[in-house]
PDB file of N, CA and C in Angstrom:
ATOM      1  N   MET A   1       4.083   8.275   6.115  1.00  0.00           N
ATOM      2  CA  MET A   1       2.709   8.273   5.670  1.00  0.00           C
ATOM      3  C   MET A   1       2.126   6.879   5.890  1.00  0.00           C
ATOM      4  N   ILE A   2       0.880   6.819   6.288  1.00  0.00           N
ATOM      5  CA  ILE A   2       0.211   5.539   6.472  1.00  0.00           C
ATOM      6  C   ILE A   2      -0.177   4.986   5.099  1.00  0.00           C
ATOM      7  N   VAL A   3       0.277   3.799   4.794  1.00  0.00           N
ATOM      8  CA  VAL A   3      -0.046   3.135   3.533  1.00  0.00           C
ATOM      9  C   VAL A   3      -1.258   2.232   3.730  1.00  0.00           C
ATOM     10  N   CYS A   4      -1.244   1.423   4.780  1.00  0.00           N
ATOM     11  CA  CYS A   4      -2.339   0.496   5.075  1.00  0.00           C
ATOM     12  C   CYS A   4      -3.136   1.069   6.249  1.00  0.00           C
ATOM     13  N   VAL A   5      -4.311   1.601   5.935  1.00  0.00           N
ATOM     14  CA  VAL A   5      -5.145   2.199   6.960  1.00  0.00           C
ATOM     15  C   VAL A   5      -5.715   1.123   7.880  1.00  0.00           C
ATOM     16  N   CYS A   6      -6.083  -0.017   7.325  1.00  0.00           N
ATOM     17  CA  CYS A   6      -6.692  -1.087   8.124  1.00  0.00           C
ATOM     18  C   CYS A   6      -5.759  -1.574   9.236  1.00  0.00           C
ATOM     19  N   ARG A   7      -4.476  -1.733   8.912  1.00  0.00           N
ATOM     20  CA  ARG A   7      -3.499  -2.249   9.874  1.00  0.00           C
ATOM     21  C   ARG A   7      -2.558  -1.181  10.410  1.00  0.00           C
ATOM     22  N   ARG A   8      -2.750   0.061   9.956  1.00  0.00           N
ATOM     23  CA  ARG A   8      -1.915   1.203  10.370  1.00  0.00           C
ATOM     24  C   ARG A   8      -0.426   0.907  10.151  1.00  0.00           C
ATOM     25  N   VAL A   9      -0.101   0.649   8.901  1.00  0.00           N
ATOM     26  CA  VAL A   9       1.274   0.358   8.508  1.00  0.00           C
ATOM     27  C   VAL A   9       1.780   1.525   7.672  1.00  0.00           C
ATOM     28  N   SER A  10       2.933   2.051   8.047  1.00  0.00           N
ATOM     29  CA  SER A  10       3.479   3.213   7.343  1.00  0.00           C
ATOM     30  C   SER A  10       4.438   2.792   6.232  1.00  0.00           C
ATOM     31  N   ASP A  11       4.732   3.761   5.358  1.00  0.00           N
ATOM     32  CA  ASP A  11       5.694   3.519   4.292  1.00  0.00           C
ATOM     33  C   ASP A  11       7.077   3.251   4.876  1.00  0.00           C
ATOM     34  N   ARG A  12       7.392   3.871   5.990  1.00  0.00           N
ATOM     35  CA  ARG A  12       8.699   3.651   6.631  1.00  0.00           C
ATOM     36  C   ARG A  12       8.847   2.229   7.132  1.00  0.00           C
ATOM     37  N   GLU A  13       7.769   1.673   7.696  1.00  0.00           N
ATOM     38  CA  GLU A  13       7.832   0.284   8.159  1.00  0.00           C
ATOM     39  C   GLU A  13       8.044  -0.669   6.987  1.00  0.00           C
ATOM     40  N   ILE A  14       7.327  -0.435   5.913  1.00  0.00           N
ATOM     41  CA  ILE A  14       7.444  -1.303   4.736  1.00  0.00           C
ATOM     42  C   ILE A  14       8.848  -1.218   4.157  1.00  0.00           C
ATOM     43  N   THR A  15       9.367   0.004   3.983  1.00  0.00           N
ATOM     44  CA  THR A  15      10.697   0.150   3.395  1.00  0.00           C
ATOM     45  C   THR A  15      11.781  -0.403   4.318  1.00  0.00           C
ATOM     46  N   ARG A  16      11.608  -0.256   5.629  1.00  0.00           N
ATOM     47  CA  ARG A  16      12.592  -0.817   6.565  1.00  0.00           C
ATOM     48  C   ARG A  16      12.665  -2.340   6.416  1.00  0.00           C
ATOM     49  N   HIS A  17      11.518  -2.991   6.319  1.00  0.00           N
ATOM     50  CA  HIS A  17      11.493  -4.439   6.153  1.00  0.00           C
ATOM     51  C   HIS A  17      12.041  -4.850   4.782  1.00  0.00           C
ATOM     52  N   ALA A  18      11.719  -4.071   3.748  1.00  0.00           N
ATOM     53  CA  ALA A  18      12.210  -4.388   2.401  1.00  0.00           C
ATOM     54  C   ALA A  18      13.721  -4.226   2.321  1.00  0.00           C
ATOM     55  N   HIS A  19      14.256  -3.186   2.943  1.00  0.00           N
ATOM     56  CA  HIS A  19      15.711  -2.991   2.956  1.00  0.00           C
ATOM     57  C   HIS A  19      16.410  -4.093   3.742  1.00  0.00           C
ATOM     58  N   ALA A  20      15.689  -4.741   4.639  1.00  0.00           N
ATOM     59  CA  ALA A  20      16.246  -5.866   5.391  1.00  0.00           C
ATOM     60  C   ALA A  20      16.221  -7.155   4.562  1.00  0.00           C
ATOM     61  N   GLY A  21      15.707  -7.066   3.322  1.00  0.00           N
ATOM     62  CA  GLY A  21      15.727  -8.224   2.424  1.00  0.00           C
ATOM     63  C   GLY A  21      14.443  -9.023   2.386  1.00  0.00           C
ATOM     64  N   MET A  22      13.395  -8.549   3.031  1.00  0.00           N
ATOM     65  CA  MET A  22      12.135  -9.289   3.042  1.00  0.00           C
ATOM     66  C   MET A  22      11.376  -9.063   1.731  1.00  0.00           C
ATOM     67  N   SER A  23      10.701 -10.099   1.267  1.00  0.00           N
ATOM     68  CA  SER A  23       9.862  -9.990   0.073  1.00  0.00           C
ATOM     69  C   SER A  23       8.511  -9.403   0.466  1.00  0.00           C
ATOM     70  N   PHE A  24       7.682  -9.086  -0.536  1.00  0.00           N
ATOM     71  CA  PHE A  24       6.351  -8.562  -0.226  1.00  0.00           C
ATOM     72  C   PHE A  24       5.553  -9.568   0.588  1.00  0.00           C
ATOM     73  N   ASP A  25       5.622 -10.844   0.211  1.00  0.00           N
ATOM     74  CA  ASP A  25       4.879 -11.872   0.949  1.00  0.00           C
ATOM     75  C   ASP A  25       5.316 -11.941   2.410  1.00  0.00           C
ATOM     76  N   ASP A  26       6.626 -11.829   2.651  1.00  0.00           N
ATOM     77  CA  ASP A  26       7.139 -11.838   4.021  1.00  0.00           C
ATOM     78  C   ASP A  26       6.629 -10.622   4.800  1.00  0.00           C
ATOM     79  N   ILE A  27       6.656  -9.466   4.148  1.00  0.00           N
ATOM     80  CA  ILE A  27       6.194  -8.236   4.793  1.00  0.00           C
ATOM     81  C   ILE A  27       4.693  -8.311   5.063  1.00  0.00           C
ATOM     82  N   GLN A  28       3.970  -8.868   4.118  1.00  0.00           N
ATOM     83  CA  GLN A  28       2.527  -9.016   4.289  1.00  0.00           C
ATOM     84  C   GLN A  28       2.222  -9.915   5.490  1.00  0.00           C
ATOM     85  N   PHE A  29       2.959 -10.991   5.627  1.00  0.00           N
ATOM     86  CA  PHE A  29       2.765 -11.894   6.755  1.00  0.00           C
ATOM     87  C   PHE A  29       3.165 -11.234   8.073  1.00  0.00           C
ATOM     88  N   GLU A  30       4.269 -10.514   8.053  1.00  0.00           N
ATOM     89  CA  GLU A  30       4.801  -9.891   9.268  1.00  0.00           C
ATOM     90  C   GLU A  30       3.953  -8.710   9.746  1.00  0.00           C
ATOM     91  N   LEU A  31       3.571  -7.824   8.825  1.00  0.00           N
ATOM     92  CA  LEU A  31       2.881  -6.590   9.203  1.00  0.00           C
ATOM     93  C   LEU A  31       1.369  -6.625   8.987  1.00  0.00           C
ATOM     94  N   GLY A  32       0.902  -7.567   8.180  1.00  0.00           N
ATOM     95  CA  GLY A  32      -0.530  -7.645   7.888  1.00  0.00           C
ATOM     96  C   GLY A  32      -0.989  -6.678   6.816  1.00  0.00           C
ATOM     97  N   VAL A  33      -0.035  -6.059   6.112  1.00  0.00           N
ATOM     98  CA  VAL A  33      -0.389  -5.100   5.074  1.00  0.00           C
ATOM     99  C   VAL A  33      -1.106  -5.823   3.929  1.00  0.00           C
ATOM    100  N   ALA A  34      -2.147  -5.191   3.391  1.00  0.00           N
ATOM    101  CA  ALA A  34      -2.937  -5.714   2.264  1.00  0.00           C
ATOM    102  C   ALA A  34      -3.605  -7.041   2.575  1.00  0.00           C
ATOM    103  N   THR A  35      -4.034  -7.218   3.811  1.00  0.00           N
ATOM    104  CA  THR A  35      -4.726  -8.461   4.172  1.00  0.00           C
ATOM    105  C   THR A  35      -6.198  -8.242   4.486  1.00  0.00           C
ATOM    106  N   GLN A  36      -6.649  -6.993   4.487  1.00  0.00           N
ATOM    107  CA  GLN A  36      -8.063  -6.752   4.772  1.00  0.00           C
ATOM    108  C   GLN A  36      -8.761  -6.206   3.536  1.00  0.00           C
ATOM    109  N   CYS A  37      -8.812  -4.905   3.352  1.00  0.00           N
ATOM    110  CA  CYS A  37      -9.559  -4.356   2.207  1.00  0.00           C
ATOM    111  C   CYS A  37      -8.773  -4.459   0.907  1.00  0.00           C
ATOM    112  N   GLY A  38      -7.432  -4.465   0.976  1.00  0.00           N
ATOM    113  CA  GLY A  38      -6.597  -4.643  -0.203  1.00  0.00           C
ATOM    114  C   GLY A  38      -6.292  -3.390  -1.003  1.00  0.00           C
ATOM    115  N   ARG A  39      -6.796  -2.239  -0.607  1.00  0.00           N
ATOM    116  CA  ARG A  39      -6.575  -1.009  -1.377  1.00  0.00           C
ATOM    117  C   ARG A  39      -5.128  -0.550  -1.344  1.00  0.00           C
ATOM    118  N   CYS A  40      -4.364  -0.996  -0.378  1.00  0.00           N
ATOM    119  CA  CYS A  40      -2.978  -0.546  -0.240  1.00  0.00           C
ATOM    120  C   CYS A  40      -1.982  -1.463  -0.948  1.00  0.00           C
ATOM    121  N   GLU A  41      -2.457  -2.564  -1.492  1.00  0.00           N
ATOM    122  CA  GLU A  41      -1.536  -3.563  -2.038  1.00  0.00           C
ATOM    123  C   GLU A  41      -0.640  -3.007  -3.135  1.00  0.00           C
ATOM    124  N   CYS A  42      -1.183  -2.244  -4.045  1.00  0.00           N
ATOM    125  CA  CYS A  42      -0.399  -1.694  -5.154  1.00  0.00           C
ATOM    126  C   CYS A  42       0.712  -0.787  -4.636  1.00  0.00           C
ATOM    127  N   THR A  43       0.371   0.091  -3.713  1.00  0.00           N
ATOM    128  CA  THR A  43       1.360   1.008  -3.154  1.00  0.00           C
ATOM    129  C   THR A  43       2.419   0.247  -2.374  1.00  0.00           C
ATOM    130  N   ALA A  44       1.997  -0.715  -1.565  1.00  0.00           N
ATOM    131  CA  ALA A  44       2.942  -1.494  -0.759  1.00  0.00           C
ATOM    132  C   ALA A  44       3.886  -2.298  -1.652  1.00  0.00           C
ATOM    133  N   ARG A  45       3.342  -2.932  -2.684  1.00  0.00           N
ATOM    134  CA  ARG A  45       4.197  -3.695  -3.614  1.00  0.00           C
ATOM    135  C   ARG A  45       5.180  -2.763  -4.325  1.00  0.00           C
ATOM    136  N   GLY A  46       4.717  -1.579  -4.693  1.00  0.00           N
ATOM    137  CA  GLY A  46       5.595  -0.619  -5.351  1.00  0.00           C
ATOM    138  C   GLY A  46       6.746  -0.194  -4.453  1.00  0.00           C
ATOM    139  N   LEU A  47       6.467   0.016  -3.184  1.00  0.00           N
ATOM    140  CA  LEU A  47       7.522   0.370  -2.235  1.00  0.00           C
ATOM    141  C   LEU A  47       8.555  -0.737  -2.125  1.00  0.00           C
ATOM    142  N   VAL A  48       8.090  -1.974  -2.028  1.00  0.00           N
ATOM    143  CA  VAL A  48       9.005  -3.116  -1.907  1.00  0.00           C
ATOM    144  C   VAL A  48       9.851  -3.246  -3.165  1.00  0.00           C
ATOM    145  N   GLU A  49       9.233  -3.094  -4.337  1.00  0.00           N
ATOM    146  CA  GLU A  49       9.978  -3.190  -5.592  1.00  0.00           C
ATOM    147  C   GLU A  49      11.045  -2.112  -5.684  1.00  0.00           C
ATOM    148  N   GLN A  50      10.705  -0.897  -5.276  1.00  0.00           N
ATOM    149  CA  GLN A  50      11.670   0.190  -5.333  1.00  0.00           C
ATOM    150  C   GLN A  50      12.837  -0.059  -4.392  1.00  0.00           C
ATOM    151  N   CYS A  51      12.549  -0.601  -3.241  1.00  0.00           N
ATOM    152  CA  CYS A  51      13.625  -0.894  -2.283  1.00  0.00           C
ATOM    153  C   CYS A  51      14.520  -2.013  -2.785  1.00  0.00           C
ATOM    154  N   HIS A  52      13.936  -3.012  -3.412  1.00  0.00           N
ATOM    155  CA  HIS A  52      14.723  -4.128  -3.922  1.00  0.00           C
ATOM    156  C   HIS A  52      15.504  -3.742  -5.171  1.00  0.00           C
ATOM    157  N   ALA A  53      15.091  -2.669  -5.827  1.00  0.00           N
ATOM    158  CA  ALA A  53      15.830  -2.174  -6.988  1.00  0.00           C
ATOM    159  C   ALA A  53      17.003  -1.312  -6.541  1.00  0.00           C
ATOM    160  N   SER A  54      17.280  -1.352  -5.250  1.00  0.00           N
ATOM    161  CA  SER A  54      18.373  -0.630  -4.587  1.00  0.00           C
ATOM    162  C   SER A  54      18.297   0.882  -4.751  1.00  0.00           C
ATOM    163  N   ASN A  55      17.072   1.410  -4.796  1.00  0.00           N
ATOM    164  CA  ASN A  55      16.892   2.855  -4.760  1.00  0.00           C
ATOM    165  C   ASN A  55      17.125   3.320  -3.330  1.00  0.00           C
ATOM    166  N   PRO A  56      17.876   4.394  -3.121  1.00  0.00           N
ATOM    167  CA  PRO A  56      18.136   4.842  -1.762  1.00  0.00           C
ATOM    168  C   PRO A  56      16.906   5.353  -1.028  1.00  0.00           C
ATOM    169  N   VAL A  57      15.974   5.957  -1.764  1.00  0.00           N
ATOM    170  CA  VAL A  57      14.760   6.472  -1.143  1.00  0.00           C
ATOM    171  C   VAL A  57      13.578   5.967  -1.948  1.00  0.00           C
ATOM    172  N   ALA A  58      12.642   5.326  -1.263  1.00  0.00           N
ATOM    173  CA  ALA A  58      11.462   4.824  -1.953  1.00  0.00           C
ATOM    174  C   ALA A  58      10.399   5.907  -1.984  1.00  0.00           C
ATOM    175  N   ALA A  59       9.905   6.191  -3.166  1.00  0.00           N
ATOM    176  CA  ALA A  59       8.841   7.173  -3.324  1.00  0.00           C
ATOM    177  C   ALA A  59       7.576   6.439  -3.720  1.00  0.00           C
ATOM    178  N   ILE A  60       6.452   6.914  -3.231  1.00  0.00           N
ATOM    179  CA  ILE A  60       5.186   6.271  -3.545  1.00  0.00           C
ATOM    180  C   ILE A  60       4.730   6.758  -4.913  1.00  0.00           C
ATOM    181  N   ASN A  61       4.444   5.804  -5.795  1.00  0.00           N
ATOM    182  CA  ASN A  61       4.023   6.144  -7.141  1.00  0.00           C
ATOM    183  C   ASN A  61       2.919   5.188  -7.552  1.00  0.00           C
ATOM    184  N   ASN A  62       1.671   5.568  -7.367  1.00  0.00           N
ATOM    185  CA  ASN A  62       0.551   4.714  -7.731  1.00  0.00           C
ATOM    186  C   ASN A  62       0.400   4.572  -9.236  1.00  0.00           C
ATOM    187  N   ALA A  63       0.896   5.516 -10.010  1.00  0.00           N
ATOM    188  CA  ALA A  63       0.775   5.440 -11.457  1.00  0.00           C
ATOM    189  C   ALA A  63       1.599   4.292 -12.021  1.00  0.00           C
ATOM    190  N   ALA A  64       2.614   3.845 -11.291  1.00  0.00           N
ATOM    191  CA  ALA A  64       3.470   2.765 -11.771  1.00  0.00           C
ATOM    192  C   ALA A  64       2.802   1.407 -11.642  1.00  0.00           C
ATOM    193  N   CYS A  65       1.704   1.340 -10.948  1.00  0.00           N
ATOM    194  CA  CYS A  65       1.026   0.059 -10.746  1.00  0.00           C
ATOM    195  C   CYS A  65       0.179  -0.264 -11.963  1.00  0.00           C
ATOM    196  N   ALA A  66       0.474  -1.373 -12.603  1.00  0.00           N
ATOM    197  CA  ALA A  66      -0.263  -1.775 -13.793  1.00  0.00           C
ATOM    198  C   ALA A  66      -1.527  -2.529 -13.433  1.00  0.00           C
ATOM    199  N   GLU A  67      -1.678  -2.890 -12.189  1.00  0.00           N
ATOM    200  CA  GLU A  67      -2.817  -3.697 -11.770  1.00  0.00           C
ATOM    201  C   GLU A  67      -3.826  -2.869 -10.986  1.00  0.00           C
ATOM    202  N   GLU A  68      -4.265  -1.757 -11.562  1.00  0.00           N
ATOM    203  CA  GLU A  68      -5.270  -0.925 -10.906  1.00  0.00           C
ATOM    204  C   GLU A  68      -6.579  -1.701 -10.865  1.00  0.00           C
ATOM    205  N   PRO A  69      -7.288  -1.666  -9.752  1.00  0.00           N
ATOM    206  CA  PRO A  69      -8.559  -2.374  -9.657  1.00  0.00           C
ATOM    207  C   PRO A  69      -9.571  -1.855 -10.673  1.00  0.00           C
ATOM    208  N   ALA A  70     -10.403  -2.757 -11.181  1.00  0.00           N
ATOM    209  CA  ALA A  70     -11.385  -2.395 -12.193  1.00  0.00           C
ATOM    210  C   ALA A  70     -12.450  -1.464 -11.637  1.00  0.00           C
ATOM    211  N   HIS A  71     -12.689  -1.473 -10.332  1.00  0.00           N
ATOM    212  CA  HIS A  71     -13.721  -0.643  -9.738  1.00  0.00           C
ATOM    213  C   HIS A  71     -13.255   0.786  -9.481  1.00  0.00           C
ATOM    214  N   ARG A  72     -12.017   1.093  -9.754  1.00  0.00           N
ATOM    215  CA  ARG A  72     -11.453   2.429  -9.503  1.00  0.00           C
ATOM    216  C   ARG A  72     -12.123   3.429 -10.425  1.00  0.00           C
ATOM    217  N   THR A  73     -12.536   4.562  -9.910  1.00  0.00           N
ATOM    218  CA  THR A  73     -13.186   5.597 -10.701  1.00  0.00           C
ATOM    219  C   THR A  73     -12.330   6.850 -10.692  1.00  0.00           C
ATOM    220  N   GLU A  74     -12.735   7.833 -11.455  1.00  0.00           N
ATOM    221  CA  GLU A  74     -12.015   9.097 -11.501  1.00  0.00           C
ATOM    222  C   GLU A  74     -12.255   9.932 -10.249  1.00  0.00           C
ATOM    223  N   ARG A  75     -13.372   9.670  -9.536  1.00  0.00           N
ATOM    224  CA  ARG A  75     -13.661  10.416  -8.317  1.00  0.00           C
ATOM    225  C   ARG A  75     -12.724   9.976  -7.204  1.00  0.00           C
ATOM    226  N   PRO A  76     -12.312  10.881  -6.336  1.00  0.00           N
ATOM    227  CA  PRO A  76     -11.490  10.478  -5.198  1.00  0.00           C
ATOM    228  C   PRO A  76     -12.312   9.627  -4.235  1.00  0.00           C
ATOM    229  N   LEU A  77     -11.659   8.660  -3.624  1.00  0.00           N
ATOM    230  CA  LEU A  77     -12.337   7.806  -2.659  1.00  0.00           C
ATOM    231  C   LEU A  77     -12.533   8.561  -1.361  1.00  0.00           C
ATOM    232  N   VAL A  78     -13.684   8.368  -0.753  1.00  0.00           N
ATOM    233  CA  VAL A  78     -14.004   9.031   0.501  1.00  0.00           C
ATOM    234  C   VAL A  78     -13.967   7.992   1.610  1.00  0.00           C
ATOM    235  N   TRP A  79     -13.132   8.215   2.611  1.00  0.00           N
ATOM    236  CA  TRP A  79     -13.068   7.312   3.763  1.00  0.00           C
ATOM    237  C   TRP A  79     -14.144   7.730   4.735  1.00  0.00           C
ATOM    238  N   ASN A  80     -15.000   6.808   5.074  1.00  0.00           N
ATOM    239  CA  ASN A  80     -16.122   7.102   5.936  1.00  0.00           C
ATOM    240  C   ASN A  80     -16.141   6.085   7.065  1.00  0.00           C
ATOM    241  N   CYS A  81     -16.154   6.552   8.291  1.00  0.00           N
ATOM    242  CA  CYS A  81     -16.136   5.659   9.434  1.00  0.00           C
ATOM    243  C   CYS A  81     -17.509   5.119   9.774  1.00  0.00           C
ATOM    244  N   SER A  82     -18.564   5.744   9.272  1.00  0.00           N
ATOM    245  CA  SER A  82     -19.908   5.269   9.587  1.00  0.00           C
ATOM    246  C   SER A  82     -20.323   4.230   8.568  1.00  0.00           C
ATOM    247  N   PHE A  83     -21.389   3.523   8.876  1.00  0.00           N
ATOM    248  CA  PHE A  83     -21.897   2.499   7.974  1.00  0.00           C
ATOM    249  C   PHE A  83     -22.821   3.080   6.906  1.00  0.00           C
ATOM    250  N   ARG A  84     -23.231   4.326   7.083  1.00  0.00           N
ATOM    251  CA  ARG A  84     -24.070   4.974   6.082  1.00  0.00           C
ATOM    252  C   ARG A  84     -23.194   5.412   4.921  1.00  0.00           C
ATOM    253  N   SER A  85     -23.656   5.179   3.717  1.00  0.00           N
ATOM    254  CA  SER A  85     -22.872   5.635   2.564  1.00  0.00           C
ATOM    255  C   SER A  85     -23.274   7.068   2.239  1.00  0.00           C
ATOM    256  N   GLN A  86     -22.275   7.853   1.893  1.00  0.00           N
ATOM    257  CA  GLN A  86     -22.505   9.239   1.534  1.00  0.00           C
ATOM    258  C   GLN A  86     -21.972   9.456   0.133  1.00  0.00           C
ATOM    259  N   PRO A  87     -22.684  10.195  -0.695  1.00  0.00           N
ATOM    260  CA  PRO A  87     -22.158  10.440  -2.047  1.00  0.00           C
ATOM    261  C   PRO A  87     -20.882  11.259  -1.986  1.00  0.00           C
ATOM    262  N   ALA A  88     -19.967  10.932  -2.860  1.00  0.00           N
ATOM    263  CA  ALA A  88     -18.672  11.642  -2.899  1.00  0.00           C
ATOM    264  C   ALA A  88     -18.765  12.878  -3.729  1.00  0.00           C
TER     265      ALA A  88
END
């Protein structure tokens, strides 16, 4: 699954680097994850933490992130490629 849409980084790439012993900062520098819009940072950090906790399979769990952005709403986010905003 693609975790970072801006840089097209998958969960497999992140977990592969984390299993190789890289920290989140190292992975961020190497892959560019969470360097543009930042919406993927919580998920990416969670994947790295799970891998470093020696879990055999990393599962994505956004609920485990205690640092949810303040602008997050109950409505699902709509990805829009155009510059016009559309109501969700």
